[in-house]
N, C-alpha and C. Protein backbone atom coordinates (compact mmCIF):
# COMPACT_ATOMS: atom_id res chain seq x y z
N MET A 1 -28.82 21.14 21.88
CA MET A 1 -28.75 20.31 20.41
C MET A 1 -28.11 19.11 20.85
N LYS A 2 -28.83 17.91 20.29
CA LYS A 2 -28.33 16.54 20.35
C LYS A 2 -26.71 16.44 20.13
N LEU A 3 -26.01 15.62 20.58
CA LEU A 3 -24.62 15.42 19.83
C LEU A 3 -24.61 14.99 18.71
N ARG A 4 -25.57 14.10 18.32
CA ARG A 4 -25.51 13.41 16.95
C ARG A 4 -25.78 14.56 15.94
N GLU A 5 -26.54 15.66 16.35
CA GLU A 5 -26.63 16.64 15.50
C GLU A 5 -25.47 17.31 15.35
N VAL A 6 -24.81 17.67 16.28
CA VAL A 6 -23.54 18.38 16.24
C VAL A 6 -22.49 17.54 15.47
N LEU A 7 -22.30 16.45 15.75
CA LEU A 7 -21.48 15.50 14.77
C LEU A 7 -21.85 15.68 13.28
N ASN A 8 -23.00 15.87 12.89
CA ASN A 8 -23.52 16.03 11.44
C ASN A 8 -22.70 17.24 10.96
N ASN A 9 -22.44 18.17 11.63
CA ASN A 9 -21.41 19.36 11.23
C ASN A 9 -20.34 18.65 10.93
N TYR A 10 -19.53 17.66 11.31
CA TYR A 10 -18.34 17.14 11.06
C TYR A 10 -18.19 15.96 10.29
N SER A 11 -19.36 15.83 9.36
CA SER A 11 -19.35 14.52 8.58
C SER A 11 -18.30 14.53 7.54
N GLU A 12 -17.93 13.27 7.07
CA GLU A 12 -16.88 13.42 6.39
C GLU A 12 -15.38 13.91 6.93
N GLU A 13 -15.15 14.03 8.30
CA GLU A 13 -13.96 14.48 8.59
C GLU A 13 -13.47 13.82 9.81
N PRO A 14 -12.09 13.26 9.86
CA PRO A 14 -11.62 12.54 11.14
C PRO A 14 -11.99 14.05 12.27
N ILE A 15 -12.02 13.26 13.59
CA ILE A 15 -12.35 14.09 14.44
C ILE A 15 -11.45 13.94 15.51
N THR A 16 -10.63 15.06 16.00
CA THR A 16 -9.67 15.18 17.05
C THR A 16 -10.44 15.30 18.36
N ARG A 17 -9.49 14.62 19.40
CA ARG A 17 -9.94 14.78 20.76
C ARG A 17 -10.31 16.18 21.32
N GLN A 18 -9.52 17.11 21.06
CA GLN A 18 -9.45 18.51 21.15
C GLN A 18 -11.07 19.01 20.80
N LEU A 19 -11.21 18.57 19.52
CA LEU A 19 -12.49 19.19 19.12
C LEU A 19 -13.45 18.71 19.80
N ILE A 20 -13.60 17.19 20.28
CA ILE A 20 -14.82 16.72 20.72
C ILE A 20 -14.77 17.23 22.36
N LEU A 21 -13.81 17.71 22.98
CA LEU A 21 -13.77 18.33 24.39
C LEU A 21 -14.49 19.57 24.26
N SER A 22 -13.97 20.21 23.20
CA SER A 22 -14.76 21.58 23.03
C SER A 22 -16.18 21.38 22.80
N ILE A 23 -16.58 20.24 22.25
CA ILE A 23 -18.01 20.25 22.02
C ILE A 23 -18.70 19.87 23.34
N LEU A 24 -18.18 19.19 24.13
CA LEU A 24 -18.42 18.60 25.39
C LEU A 24 -18.19 19.61 26.70
N LYS A 25 -17.78 20.69 26.20
CA LYS A 25 -17.17 21.56 27.17
C LYS A 25 -18.17 21.78 28.56
N ASP A 26 -19.58 21.53 28.40
CA ASP A 26 -20.50 21.91 29.34
C ASP A 26 -20.55 20.52 30.38
N PHE A 27 -19.85 19.49 29.86
CA PHE A 27 -20.00 18.27 30.66
C PHE A 27 -19.00 18.33 31.81
N LYS A 28 -19.52 17.77 33.09
CA LYS A 28 -18.29 17.69 34.02
C LYS A 28 -17.11 16.84 34.07
N ARG A 29 -17.67 15.67 33.20
CA ARG A 29 -16.70 14.79 33.15
C ARG A 29 -16.71 14.18 31.72
N PRO A 30 -15.92 15.12 31.00
CA PRO A 30 -16.04 15.02 29.20
C PRO A 30 -15.22 13.64 28.91
N ASN A 31 -14.23 13.35 29.42
CA ASN A 31 -13.67 12.18 29.23
C ASN A 31 -14.36 10.95 29.18
N ASP A 32 -15.30 10.92 30.17
CA ASP A 32 -16.15 9.56 30.59
C ASP A 32 -17.18 9.94 29.47
N LYS A 33 -17.65 11.17 28.88
CA LYS A 33 -18.76 10.80 27.79
C LYS A 33 -18.17 10.29 26.56
N ILE A 34 -16.93 10.82 26.32
CA ILE A 34 -16.15 10.24 25.18
C ILE A 34 -16.22 8.73 25.14
N ASN A 35 -15.85 8.10 26.26
CA ASN A 35 -15.94 6.63 26.44
C ASN A 35 -17.09 6.14 26.20
N GLU A 36 -18.25 6.75 26.87
CA GLU A 36 -19.62 6.57 26.36
C GLU A 36 -20.12 6.51 25.24
N LEU A 37 -19.58 7.53 24.32
CA LEU A 37 -19.97 7.76 23.00
C LEU A 37 -19.58 6.71 21.99
N VAL A 38 -18.04 6.27 22.44
CA VAL A 38 -17.31 5.04 21.69
C VAL A 38 -18.14 3.64 21.79
N LYS A 39 -18.41 3.55 23.44
CA LYS A 39 -19.08 2.26 23.60
C LYS A 39 -20.56 2.24 22.86
N SER A 40 -21.29 3.28 22.44
CA SER A 40 -22.56 3.44 22.19
C SER A 40 -22.40 3.40 20.63
N GLU A 41 -20.94 3.35 20.13
CA GLU A 41 -20.89 3.52 18.69
C GLU A 41 -21.16 4.65 17.86
N LEU A 42 -21.54 5.75 18.56
CA LEU A 42 -21.43 7.26 18.17
C LEU A 42 -19.94 7.46 17.56
N LEU A 43 -19.18 7.10 18.11
CA LEU A 43 -17.91 7.48 17.69
C LEU A 43 -17.05 6.16 17.46
N THR A 44 -16.13 5.99 16.54
CA THR A 44 -15.23 4.95 16.41
C THR A 44 -13.84 5.43 16.73
N THR A 45 -13.02 4.66 17.44
CA THR A 45 -11.58 5.28 17.90
C THR A 45 -10.65 4.72 16.61
N VAL A 46 -9.90 5.68 16.23
CA VAL A 46 -8.87 5.16 15.22
C VAL A 46 -7.95 5.00 15.58
N LYS A 47 -7.38 5.93 16.38
CA LYS A 47 -6.11 5.92 17.38
C LYS A 47 -6.44 6.97 18.53
N ARG A 48 -5.48 6.90 19.47
CA ARG A 48 -5.91 7.54 20.77
C ARG A 48 -5.83 9.21 20.39
N GLY A 49 -6.72 9.81 20.54
CA GLY A 49 -7.14 11.38 20.15
C GLY A 49 -7.70 11.48 18.53
N LEU A 50 -7.75 10.39 17.90
CA LEU A 50 -8.55 10.71 16.65
C LEU A 50 -9.79 9.76 16.53
N TYR A 51 -10.92 10.25 16.15
CA TYR A 51 -12.06 9.32 15.78
C TYR A 51 -12.81 10.00 14.48
N VAL A 52 -13.83 9.00 14.39
CA VAL A 52 -14.49 9.03 13.07
C VAL A 52 -15.89 8.95 13.71
N PRO A 53 -16.90 9.39 12.96
CA PRO A 53 -18.31 9.22 13.23
C PRO A 53 -18.58 7.47 13.30
N GLY A 54 -19.29 7.08 14.29
CA GLY A 54 -19.52 5.67 14.71
C GLY A 54 -20.70 5.30 13.69
N PRO A 55 -20.91 4.02 13.59
CA PRO A 55 -22.18 3.53 12.60
C PRO A 55 -23.52 3.83 13.36
N LYS A 56 -23.67 4.24 14.39
CA LYS A 56 -24.85 4.47 15.12
C LYS A 56 -25.16 5.81 15.41
N SER A 57 -24.28 6.65 14.70
CA SER A 57 -24.26 7.94 14.78
C SER A 57 -25.19 8.53 13.33
N LYS A 58 -25.03 7.42 12.13
CA LYS A 58 -25.87 8.00 10.97
C LYS A 58 -25.29 9.11 10.30
N VAL A 59 -23.98 9.32 10.68
CA VAL A 59 -23.01 10.37 10.02
C VAL A 59 -22.22 9.89 9.21
N ALA A 60 -22.03 10.83 7.93
CA ALA A 60 -21.15 10.15 7.16
C ALA A 60 -19.56 10.33 7.45
N ALA A 61 -18.96 9.00 7.49
CA ALA A 61 -17.39 8.81 8.10
C ALA A 61 -16.79 9.53 6.75
N PRO A 62 -15.48 9.42 7.10
CA PRO A 62 -14.51 10.33 5.87
C PRO A 62 -14.03 9.07 5.24
N GLU A 63 -13.41 9.18 4.13
CA GLU A 63 -12.96 8.09 3.22
C GLU A 63 -11.37 7.68 3.74
N LEU A 64 -11.33 6.52 3.66
CA LEU A 64 -9.97 5.90 4.26
C LEU A 64 -8.76 6.64 3.99
N PHE A 65 -8.56 7.24 2.73
CA PHE A 65 -7.58 8.09 2.29
C PHE A 65 -7.19 9.18 3.01
N LEU A 66 -8.44 9.73 3.50
CA LEU A 66 -8.20 11.05 4.40
C LEU A 66 -7.80 10.82 5.70
N ILE A 67 -8.55 9.46 6.07
CA ILE A 67 -8.32 9.12 7.60
C ILE A 67 -6.73 8.80 7.38
N ALA A 68 -6.19 8.23 6.56
CA ALA A 68 -4.53 7.97 6.42
C ALA A 68 -3.85 9.16 6.60
N ASN A 69 -4.24 10.15 5.79
CA ASN A 69 -3.26 11.42 5.82
C ASN A 69 -3.25 12.28 7.02
N HIS A 70 -4.44 11.94 7.79
CA HIS A 70 -4.63 12.59 9.38
C HIS A 70 -3.98 11.52 10.20
N LEU A 71 -4.01 10.31 10.03
CA LEU A 71 -3.66 9.13 11.05
C LEU A 71 -2.24 9.14 11.27
N TRP A 72 -1.19 9.53 10.47
CA TRP A 72 0.25 9.47 10.92
C TRP A 72 1.02 10.21 9.53
N GLY A 73 0.87 11.46 10.15
CA GLY A 73 1.47 12.64 8.91
C GLY A 73 2.37 13.38 9.35
N PRO A 74 3.30 14.11 8.41
CA PRO A 74 2.73 14.14 7.05
C PRO A 74 2.67 12.92 6.19
N SER A 75 2.36 12.55 5.34
CA SER A 75 2.12 11.44 4.73
C SER A 75 1.33 11.60 3.29
N TYR A 76 1.48 10.44 2.55
CA TYR A 76 0.52 10.64 1.31
C TYR A 76 0.34 9.17 0.83
N ILE A 77 -1.20 9.02 0.25
CA ILE A 77 -1.35 7.49 0.00
C ILE A 77 -0.24 7.19 -1.26
N SER A 78 0.19 6.10 -1.22
CA SER A 78 1.00 5.55 -2.55
C SER A 78 1.04 3.87 -2.48
N MET A 79 1.92 3.72 -3.72
CA MET A 79 2.08 2.10 -3.47
C MET A 79 0.71 1.43 -4.13
N GLU A 80 0.29 0.14 -3.52
CA GLU A 80 -0.89 -0.35 -4.00
C GLU A 80 -2.21 0.33 -4.00
N SER A 81 -2.20 1.24 -2.82
CA SER A 81 -3.34 2.07 -2.52
C SER A 81 -3.65 3.07 -3.86
N ALA A 82 -2.63 3.86 -4.13
CA ALA A 82 -2.51 4.72 -5.01
C ALA A 82 -2.47 4.15 -6.42
N LEU A 83 -2.19 3.01 -6.66
CA LEU A 83 -2.18 2.39 -7.88
C LEU A 83 -3.73 1.87 -8.34
N SER A 84 -4.09 1.38 -7.31
CA SER A 84 -5.61 1.10 -7.17
C SER A 84 -6.57 2.14 -7.81
N TYR A 85 -6.38 3.33 -6.84
CA TYR A 85 -6.98 4.60 -7.14
C TYR A 85 -7.00 5.16 -8.87
N TRP A 86 -5.70 5.05 -9.14
CA TRP A 86 -5.31 5.37 -10.68
C TRP A 86 -5.84 4.41 -11.51
N GLY A 87 -6.52 3.39 -11.08
CA GLY A 87 -6.74 2.54 -12.27
C GLY A 87 -5.60 1.43 -12.89
N TYR A 88 -4.38 1.29 -12.18
CA TYR A 88 -3.39 0.73 -12.53
C TYR A 88 -3.21 -0.96 -12.24
N ILE A 89 -3.88 -0.98 -11.16
CA ILE A 89 -3.85 -2.45 -10.68
C ILE A 89 -5.56 -2.75 -10.38
N PRO A 90 -5.91 -4.16 -11.11
CA PRO A 90 -7.15 -4.44 -11.02
C PRO A 90 -7.52 -5.03 -9.39
N GLU A 91 -6.97 -5.49 -8.89
CA GLU A 91 -7.32 -5.87 -7.10
C GLU A 91 -7.68 -4.96 -6.42
N ARG A 92 -8.71 -5.58 -5.74
CA ARG A 92 -9.10 -4.55 -4.49
C ARG A 92 -8.06 -4.48 -3.64
N VAL A 93 -8.01 -3.37 -2.90
CA VAL A 93 -6.44 -3.24 -1.92
C VAL A 93 -7.45 -3.38 -0.59
N TYR A 94 -6.92 -4.31 0.44
CA TYR A 94 -7.20 -4.17 1.75
C TYR A 94 -6.68 -3.54 2.81
N GLU A 95 -5.33 -2.87 2.28
CA GLU A 95 -4.61 -2.33 3.23
C GLU A 95 -4.40 -0.88 2.92
N THR A 96 -4.38 0.39 3.52
CA THR A 96 -4.22 1.62 2.75
C THR A 96 -2.62 1.92 3.06
N SER A 97 -1.95 1.95 2.11
CA SER A 97 -0.62 2.50 2.14
C SER A 97 -0.16 3.55 1.76
N SER A 98 0.70 4.11 2.68
CA SER A 98 1.21 5.40 2.59
C SER A 98 2.69 5.60 2.66
N ILE A 99 3.38 6.81 2.16
CA ILE A 99 4.68 6.99 2.56
C ILE A 99 4.51 8.24 3.37
N THR A 100 5.51 8.16 4.43
CA THR A 100 5.57 9.32 5.58
C THR A 100 7.02 9.89 5.66
N ILE A 101 7.16 11.08 6.21
CA ILE A 101 8.59 11.17 6.74
C ILE A 101 8.86 11.06 8.11
N LYS A 102 7.80 10.37 8.66
CA LYS A 102 7.88 9.95 10.31
C LYS A 102 8.59 8.67 10.21
N ASN A 103 8.50 7.85 11.19
CA ASN A 103 8.95 6.33 11.49
C ASN A 103 7.97 5.67 10.71
N THR A 104 8.32 4.25 9.89
CA THR A 104 7.42 3.62 9.57
C THR A 104 6.51 2.78 10.65
N ARG A 105 5.26 2.71 10.18
CA ARG A 105 4.45 2.40 11.37
C ARG A 105 2.98 1.47 10.84
N VAL A 106 2.65 0.64 11.31
CA VAL A 106 1.38 0.17 10.93
C VAL A 106 0.26 0.22 12.06
N PHE A 107 -1.16 0.67 11.46
CA PHE A 107 -2.09 0.80 12.50
C PHE A 107 -3.23 -0.34 12.23
N ASN A 108 -3.36 -1.42 12.85
CA ASN A 108 -4.68 -2.05 12.76
C ASN A 108 -5.96 -1.63 13.76
N THR A 109 -6.86 -1.05 12.93
CA THR A 109 -7.88 -0.17 13.50
C THR A 109 -9.30 -1.14 13.19
N LYS A 110 -10.26 -0.81 13.86
CA LYS A 110 -11.64 -1.12 13.70
C LYS A 110 -12.17 -0.83 12.56
N ILE A 111 -11.48 0.54 11.58
CA ILE A 111 -11.81 0.65 10.37
C ILE A 111 -10.93 0.19 8.96
N GLY A 112 -10.05 -0.48 9.63
CA GLY A 112 -8.74 -1.06 8.60
C GLY A 112 -7.60 -1.04 9.20
N ARG A 113 -6.66 -1.55 8.13
CA ARG A 113 -5.24 -1.66 8.48
C ARG A 113 -4.26 -0.62 7.57
N PHE A 114 -3.89 0.13 8.14
CA PHE A 114 -2.96 1.37 7.75
C PHE A 114 -1.38 1.04 7.77
N SER A 115 -0.60 1.15 6.64
CA SER A 115 0.62 1.15 6.82
C SER A 115 1.47 2.64 6.21
N PHE A 116 2.38 2.80 6.99
CA PHE A 116 3.28 3.89 6.73
C PHE A 116 4.66 3.67 6.40
N THR A 117 5.16 3.86 5.39
CA THR A 117 6.63 3.52 5.12
C THR A 117 7.30 4.78 4.92
N HIS A 118 8.32 4.85 5.78
CA HIS A 118 9.18 6.09 5.80
C HIS A 118 9.98 6.47 4.56
N ALA A 119 10.30 7.52 4.08
CA ALA A 119 11.19 7.97 2.97
C ALA A 119 11.82 9.30 3.54
N ASP A 120 12.97 9.54 2.89
CA ASP A 120 13.50 10.87 3.12
C ASP A 120 13.04 12.03 2.29
N PHE A 121 13.87 13.01 2.46
CA PHE A 121 13.71 14.19 1.31
C PHE A 121 14.98 14.03 0.56
N PRO A 122 14.95 14.38 -0.60
CA PRO A 122 13.67 14.72 -1.34
C PRO A 122 12.89 13.94 -1.99
N HIS A 123 13.36 12.52 -1.85
CA HIS A 123 12.27 11.44 -2.50
C HIS A 123 10.95 11.81 -2.18
N TYR A 124 10.65 11.79 -0.92
CA TYR A 124 9.43 11.99 -0.33
C TYR A 124 8.54 13.34 -1.20
N SER A 125 9.22 14.46 -1.51
CA SER A 125 8.40 15.40 -2.13
C SER A 125 7.98 15.18 -3.73
N PHE A 126 8.44 14.45 -4.29
CA PHE A 126 8.32 14.09 -5.36
C PHE A 126 6.84 13.82 -6.00
N GLY A 127 6.30 14.02 -7.15
CA GLY A 127 5.26 13.58 -7.56
C GLY A 127 3.91 13.47 -6.88
N LEU A 128 3.67 14.46 -6.00
CA LEU A 128 2.52 14.44 -5.08
C LEU A 128 1.13 15.38 -5.73
N LYS A 129 0.21 14.66 -5.44
CA LYS A 129 -0.88 15.25 -6.19
C LYS A 129 -2.10 15.72 -4.93
N THR A 130 -2.95 16.87 -5.09
CA THR A 130 -4.13 16.87 -4.13
C THR A 130 -5.12 16.73 -4.90
N ILE A 131 -6.37 15.93 -4.45
CA ILE A 131 -7.16 15.30 -5.27
C ILE A 131 -8.28 15.66 -4.28
N GLN A 132 -9.33 15.99 -4.63
CA GLN A 132 -10.72 16.27 -4.20
C GLN A 132 -11.77 15.24 -4.27
N LEU A 133 -11.76 14.19 -3.25
CA LEU A 133 -12.42 13.32 -3.39
C LEU A 133 -13.85 13.41 -3.16
N THR A 134 -14.31 14.37 -2.59
CA THR A 134 -15.71 14.99 -2.29
C THR A 134 -15.44 16.59 -2.04
N PRO A 135 -16.54 17.20 -2.06
CA PRO A 135 -16.54 18.63 -1.59
C PRO A 135 -15.83 18.99 -0.24
N LYS A 136 -15.99 18.03 0.76
CA LYS A 136 -15.45 18.36 1.88
C LYS A 136 -13.97 17.22 2.15
N GLN A 137 -13.61 16.75 1.15
CA GLN A 137 -12.33 15.76 1.40
C GLN A 137 -11.41 15.99 0.54
N SER A 138 -10.18 16.59 0.70
CA SER A 138 -9.21 16.75 -0.02
C SER A 138 -7.99 15.82 0.41
N ILE A 139 -7.42 14.94 -0.42
CA ILE A 139 -6.31 14.15 0.04
C ILE A 139 -4.96 14.23 -0.68
N MET A 140 -3.82 13.88 0.03
CA MET A 140 -2.50 13.85 -0.88
C MET A 140 -2.45 12.40 -1.05
N ILE A 141 -1.93 12.36 -2.19
CA ILE A 141 -1.65 11.07 -3.13
C ILE A 141 -0.43 11.33 -3.82
N GLY A 142 0.49 10.15 -4.22
CA GLY A 142 1.42 10.20 -5.02
C GLY A 142 0.87 9.69 -6.54
N SER A 143 1.38 10.55 -7.63
CA SER A 143 1.01 10.00 -8.85
C SER A 143 1.46 8.71 -8.99
N PRO A 144 0.62 8.24 -10.17
CA PRO A 144 1.33 6.79 -10.41
C PRO A 144 2.80 6.59 -10.55
N GLU A 145 3.23 7.29 -11.32
CA GLU A 145 4.78 7.13 -11.60
C GLU A 145 5.23 7.19 -10.20
N LYS A 146 4.92 8.11 -9.08
CA LYS A 146 5.69 8.14 -8.06
C LYS A 146 5.43 6.74 -7.03
N ALA A 147 3.87 6.22 -7.32
CA ALA A 147 3.50 5.00 -6.67
C ALA A 147 4.51 4.12 -6.75
N ILE A 148 4.79 3.63 -8.27
CA ILE A 148 5.55 2.54 -8.67
C ILE A 148 6.84 2.63 -8.21
N CYS A 149 7.59 3.97 -8.29
CA CYS A 149 8.78 4.22 -7.86
C CYS A 149 8.91 3.74 -6.12
N ASP A 150 7.90 4.22 -5.54
CA ASP A 150 7.79 3.81 -4.07
C ASP A 150 7.93 2.38 -3.76
N LYS A 151 7.23 1.63 -4.54
CA LYS A 151 6.87 0.30 -4.54
C LYS A 151 8.30 -0.47 -4.59
N ILE A 152 8.90 -0.06 -5.55
CA ILE A 152 10.21 -0.52 -6.10
C ILE A 152 11.39 -0.14 -4.52
N ILE A 153 11.43 1.17 -4.42
CA ILE A 153 12.29 1.49 -3.44
C ILE A 153 12.19 1.14 -2.15
N THR A 154 10.90 1.00 -1.80
CA THR A 154 10.54 0.45 -0.34
C THR A 154 10.45 -0.83 -0.13
N THR A 155 10.30 -1.69 -1.14
CA THR A 155 10.34 -3.19 -0.87
C THR A 155 11.57 -4.18 -1.03
N SER A 156 11.85 -4.54 0.33
CA SER A 156 13.17 -5.07 0.28
C SER A 156 13.15 -6.31 -0.65
N GLY A 157 14.48 -6.58 -1.26
CA GLY A 157 14.68 -7.59 -2.42
C GLY A 157 14.13 -7.48 -3.75
N ILE A 158 13.58 -6.01 -3.91
CA ILE A 158 13.48 -5.68 -5.23
C ILE A 158 14.60 -5.09 -5.80
N LEU A 159 15.23 -5.65 -7.02
CA LEU A 159 16.38 -5.14 -7.56
C LEU A 159 16.28 -5.51 -9.02
N LEU A 160 15.94 -4.61 -9.85
CA LEU A 160 15.46 -4.69 -11.32
C LEU A 160 16.99 -4.50 -12.19
N ARG A 161 17.35 -5.48 -12.85
CA ARG A 161 18.52 -5.39 -13.53
C ARG A 161 18.43 -6.09 -14.89
N SER A 162 17.08 -6.20 -15.32
CA SER A 162 16.84 -6.63 -16.75
C SER A 162 15.60 -6.20 -17.28
N THR A 163 15.24 -6.01 -18.54
CA THR A 163 14.06 -5.52 -18.81
C THR A 163 12.97 -6.57 -18.55
N ASN A 164 13.44 -8.27 -18.65
CA ASN A 164 12.55 -9.14 -18.14
C ASN A 164 12.23 -9.09 -16.66
N GLN A 165 12.82 -8.65 -16.12
CA GLN A 165 12.68 -8.55 -14.59
C GLN A 165 11.71 -7.39 -14.30
N VAL A 166 11.86 -6.34 -15.03
CA VAL A 166 10.98 -5.04 -14.55
C VAL A 166 9.42 -5.73 -15.34
N ILE A 167 9.32 -6.47 -16.44
CA ILE A 167 8.33 -6.77 -16.83
C ILE A 167 7.49 -7.88 -15.99
N ASP A 168 8.37 -8.91 -15.65
CA ASP A 168 7.91 -9.71 -14.59
C ASP A 168 7.25 -8.90 -13.31
N PHE A 169 7.73 -7.74 -12.93
CA PHE A 169 7.51 -7.11 -11.66
C PHE A 169 6.15 -6.37 -11.87
N LEU A 170 6.15 -5.74 -13.15
CA LEU A 170 4.66 -4.86 -13.41
C LEU A 170 3.84 -5.56 -14.00
N ILE A 171 4.09 -6.46 -14.74
CA ILE A 171 2.98 -7.31 -15.27
C ILE A 171 2.63 -8.62 -14.73
N GLU A 172 3.60 -9.25 -14.34
CA GLU A 172 3.06 -10.58 -13.73
C GLU A 172 2.93 -10.39 -12.22
N ASP A 173 3.82 -9.70 -11.03
CA ASP A 173 3.52 -9.76 -10.02
C ASP A 173 2.53 -8.35 -9.56
N MET A 174 2.68 -7.52 -10.17
CA MET A 174 1.53 -6.15 -9.78
C MET A 174 0.26 -6.30 -10.66
N ARG A 175 0.29 -7.16 -12.04
CA ARG A 175 -1.08 -7.39 -12.64
C ARG A 175 -1.36 -6.16 -13.26
N MET A 176 -0.43 -5.27 -13.76
CA MET A 176 -0.54 -3.96 -14.44
C MET A 176 -0.72 -4.36 -16.15
N GLU A 177 -1.34 -3.65 -16.86
CA GLU A 177 -1.86 -3.92 -18.18
C GLU A 177 -0.75 -3.00 -19.13
N GLU A 178 0.03 -3.56 -20.17
CA GLU A 178 0.88 -2.97 -21.12
C GLU A 178 0.46 -1.68 -21.44
N GLU A 179 -0.70 -1.85 -21.92
CA GLU A 179 -1.42 -0.29 -22.44
C GLU A 179 -1.38 0.62 -21.22
N LYS A 180 -1.89 0.37 -20.26
CA LYS A 180 -1.76 1.38 -18.81
C LYS A 180 -0.57 1.94 -18.82
N LEU A 181 0.39 0.84 -18.91
CA LEU A 181 1.84 1.32 -18.64
C LEU A 181 2.47 2.50 -19.58
N LYS A 182 1.83 2.21 -20.64
CA LYS A 182 2.37 3.45 -21.76
C LYS A 182 1.89 4.79 -21.64
N GLU A 183 1.07 4.83 -20.57
CA GLU A 183 0.20 6.03 -20.22
C GLU A 183 1.26 7.07 -19.22
N LEU A 184 2.42 6.44 -18.65
CA LEU A 184 3.22 6.79 -17.54
C LEU A 184 4.03 7.66 -18.28
N ASP A 185 4.27 8.91 -17.49
CA ASP A 185 5.12 10.13 -17.83
C ASP A 185 6.60 9.89 -17.23
N LEU A 186 7.48 9.32 -18.24
CA LEU A 186 8.75 8.55 -18.07
C LEU A 186 9.69 9.85 -17.72
N SER A 187 9.57 11.30 -18.59
CA SER A 187 10.22 12.38 -18.21
C SER A 187 10.06 12.90 -16.86
N GLU A 188 8.84 12.45 -16.15
CA GLU A 188 8.85 12.92 -14.82
C GLU A 188 9.66 11.90 -13.95
N ILE A 189 9.58 10.62 -13.95
CA ILE A 189 10.63 9.83 -13.12
C ILE A 189 12.02 10.40 -13.54
N SER A 190 12.39 10.58 -14.68
CA SER A 190 13.77 10.90 -15.15
C SER A 190 14.07 12.14 -14.49
N ASN A 191 13.26 12.94 -14.28
CA ASN A 191 13.53 14.28 -13.55
C ASN A 191 14.00 14.05 -12.18
N TRP A 192 13.72 12.99 -11.54
CA TRP A 192 13.55 12.68 -10.16
C TRP A 192 14.83 11.74 -9.74
N ILE A 193 15.29 10.96 -10.80
CA ILE A 193 16.05 9.74 -10.61
C ILE A 193 17.41 9.92 -9.86
N ASP A 194 17.99 11.32 -10.12
CA ASP A 194 19.18 11.73 -9.35
C ASP A 194 19.06 11.82 -8.01
N ASN A 195 18.00 11.94 -7.38
CA ASN A 195 17.72 12.07 -5.77
C ASN A 195 16.82 11.00 -5.34
N LEU A 196 16.61 9.69 -6.08
CA LEU A 196 16.11 8.53 -5.68
C LEU A 196 16.80 7.34 -5.19
N PRO A 197 16.76 6.72 -4.02
CA PRO A 197 17.40 5.40 -3.78
C PRO A 197 17.06 4.50 -5.12
N LYS A 198 18.05 3.26 -5.02
CA LYS A 198 17.78 2.46 -5.90
C LYS A 198 17.70 2.83 -7.24
N LYS A 199 18.67 3.77 -7.69
CA LYS A 199 18.78 4.39 -8.95
C LYS A 199 18.82 3.49 -10.23
N ASN A 200 19.71 2.43 -9.95
CA ASN A 200 19.88 1.44 -11.11
C ASN A 200 18.64 0.62 -11.45
N SER A 201 17.89 0.51 -10.42
CA SER A 201 16.53 -0.26 -10.56
C SER A 201 15.45 0.97 -11.43
N ILE A 202 15.58 1.85 -10.97
CA ILE A 202 14.65 2.85 -11.47
C ILE A 202 15.17 3.16 -12.92
N LYS A 203 16.21 3.26 -13.31
CA LYS A 203 16.78 3.66 -14.34
C LYS A 203 16.45 2.29 -15.47
N MET A 204 16.47 0.93 -14.72
CA MET A 204 15.85 0.09 -15.83
C MET A 204 14.60 -0.26 -15.83
N LEU A 205 13.65 0.38 -14.91
CA LEU A 205 12.54 0.61 -15.18
C LEU A 205 12.18 1.63 -16.27
N ILE A 206 12.75 2.80 -16.30
CA ILE A 206 12.70 4.08 -17.44
C ILE A 206 12.85 3.19 -18.91
N LYS A 207 14.02 2.37 -18.82
CA LYS A 207 14.61 1.64 -20.12
C LYS A 207 13.52 0.90 -20.48
N THR A 208 12.90 0.17 -19.62
CA THR A 208 11.84 -0.98 -20.00
C THR A 208 10.54 -0.25 -20.58
N LEU A 209 10.46 0.54 -19.83
CA LEU A 209 8.96 1.46 -20.10
C LEU A 209 9.35 2.09 -21.70
N TYR A 210 10.21 2.66 -21.81
CA TYR A 210 10.55 3.22 -23.06
C TYR A 210 10.43 2.20 -24.38
N SER A 211 10.59 0.90 -23.97
CA SER A 211 10.80 -0.12 -24.97
C SER A 211 9.22 -0.63 -25.17
N LEU A 212 8.41 -0.19 -24.63
CA LEU A 212 6.88 -0.95 -24.83
C LEU A 212 6.35 -0.55 -25.78
């Protein structure tokens, strides 16, 4: 069976080096074969030990959100990437942003830029959702409420001390619509607040959103 046909069994999935080595178990020099597959664009390297089907394979590659979950994990999609997915910001996002319990890290890859920002427990564990993008692709992503809190907490220099500051941040800087902000579940954020950094900023966020 041709390797391209074998790869088709792993469409929409990130592919680990261990998996490729198992596929190439009959080759005497499997590492050389992997390099050949990358050069011929049947495989695309995301990072060392992690690949996706390349453009010449004609195999469906996984979504960027799923790749992010595998690239530096445990992690979940958050901030602008999550807010764009949930329809809270209008602009296309050119970087896939995630929160992780590992060290902060940025990956510039052939398929895009991925950023991962560190968060401690229990902050990390709040507001996580599992979404089925396709029958084969399930991702971990922060709720809209969590994505907004993450953006405030992890961005240096954001200290919200007044309702005007909150409105400027959400509507002017982040370009969110007021009607969309009214859909947020403020009770959920309130349940997290004792265990979140930047408590005063999050309290001001809640106070402002209740006034809309």
